[in-house]
Amino acid sequence: MSTSRFRQAAAASVLLSVSLSGPLIGQSAQPNWDYYFRSEGRVDDNVGLTDQPSDTGYMWINTFGLANRSSTRVDEFALDLSGHVRVQDIPIQSETIRFDDPRLELDYNRQVGDDALNFAISANKVDLAFVDALSEGGNLNELDFDDARGDGSREFLGVTLEGVINEDAPLTFEYILAGTQRSYVDEGVEEDLNDLTRYLADASILFDITRTTRGVFDFGYDYRDEDDAQQTLRRRARIGTGLNMALDSRTALNFRIGYSEVRTEQQAFGTEETETGTIGSIALLRELKDGEVNLIYSVDLDENGQRDRLLAGRTFERGNTVYGGDIGIAARELSEDIRPIGSLFVTQELPRARFAAELEQNVDVAEDSEDTVFTRLNLTYEQDFSTDLSFILNLAAGRRFAEEDDNRERRRLNVTASVRNTLTKNWDLDVGYRYRYREGTDASVGTSNAVFAALVRNLQID
């Protein structure tokens, strides 16, 4: 996607957001506009997180944001716009002033009776020197824990439409339509940073068979076009059927079986490979007084063949604490390349503190078509010392490696500790320290230490 196309798409998103928010604001009793401003001074001894750091970098980053939250009896609308101006003296870039990280996030929900719809747009353009997968979140299986390298920028545009029609009726229709475009622009981008276009469509038809059993027909199509050296084009289609059964008021048994085809073309070489096979799943779910328990077995198909997964999960809700997770294994053809997978989480709300942690690991096919193990850890702790003073600790860690070659491993770690002091009703002062660690596939290691101080203003506009 060219820069002009990205700007046109972002402009269209803004126009659409205005058209959606207009009637909502008129109907909402109290439309809510929030203005956000953050002015941060930062000193970093290795801005590029390279294995051979040069001079210390100095930055003054001014972030501007505007958000709207509006709602009626049937609609909810959210719009977030942000961007920042960075004044800098850093060794990896020659410019002293840059406008960076423009972002647009739009989310619209509509619920009328048993019909529901969600429409979302996400658009951003980020300087490659400041891309950090750990801080961006997103799908675990798509994260690259090695920082992007180059002098250009990464553009992203994503659109999603999903909904359900007649959810409580004897005949129900569910659907998801999604499209994403990721592009790298300007000179100096590494060869392994590839443009990507992806379209996804899923639909399900559910129908009552008895009072406790519903039949299901599933359809899906996934189109993925990557601008890599091989010009890889991948199409995945599936069709299936199954049953959703309520065994009692607290127990459900869901069953799926289907057929899938994955066609992979390497257009640069004129080659094509096709994988076909049976897919399916069986899931036993039960609600308990203090949470729920589940047991799930599934068989999926990708360009490398069938993969089996078995997971057992349990969640607990006890007072102000929620914790649980699921633990299992993933394997090829039931017995090959067996790996542990799953997730564990805990959240706790105390009178003057908050804590949340999540650990997850999965096995999937990465963009280079290799079976890859992905692991991620997120931890947040907040402690209020008084109504005006608080301490915040954030830790994010990630690891990925190819199953066939453990030496091709990437590791990332970010740790941020800060103190926030409320100065006035609308102004806060943040002071903190951030440590970053990167280990690349070539065994190179980069570390960074940074200190920062920022004035933050939040203002609600009625």
Foldseek 3Di string as FASTA:
>chain_A
DDPVVQVVVVVVVVVVLCVVVVVQVVQFPDKWKKKKKKWKWKKKQALQLFLDTDHIKIKIKIKIKMKIWGDDPFKTKIKIWMWIWMQMDGDVDDDRIDTFWTKIWIWMWGDDPPKIKIKIKIKIKGFQSPDAQQVVDDDLQAGDRFGWDFGWIKIKIKIKMWIKDPNPDQKIKTKIWMKMWIDTDDPGGDQPDKTKIKIKIKMKIWGDPDPFKIKIKIWIKIWMFIRHPQRKTKIKIKIKMWMWGDPDPFKIKTKMKIKMKMWIHRVVVGDIDMEIDMWMKIKIKGADPFWIKMWMWIWDAYPVGIKIKTKIWTWGHDPQKIWIKIKTWMAHPVDHLIDIWMKIKMWGDDPFKIKIKMKTWDWDQYPVRFTKIKIKIWIWMKGDPDPFKIKIKIKIKIKMDGSVDRLQMKIKIKIKIWMWGHDDPFKIKIWIKMKIWIQGSVRRIGIMIMIMIMIMGMDMDD
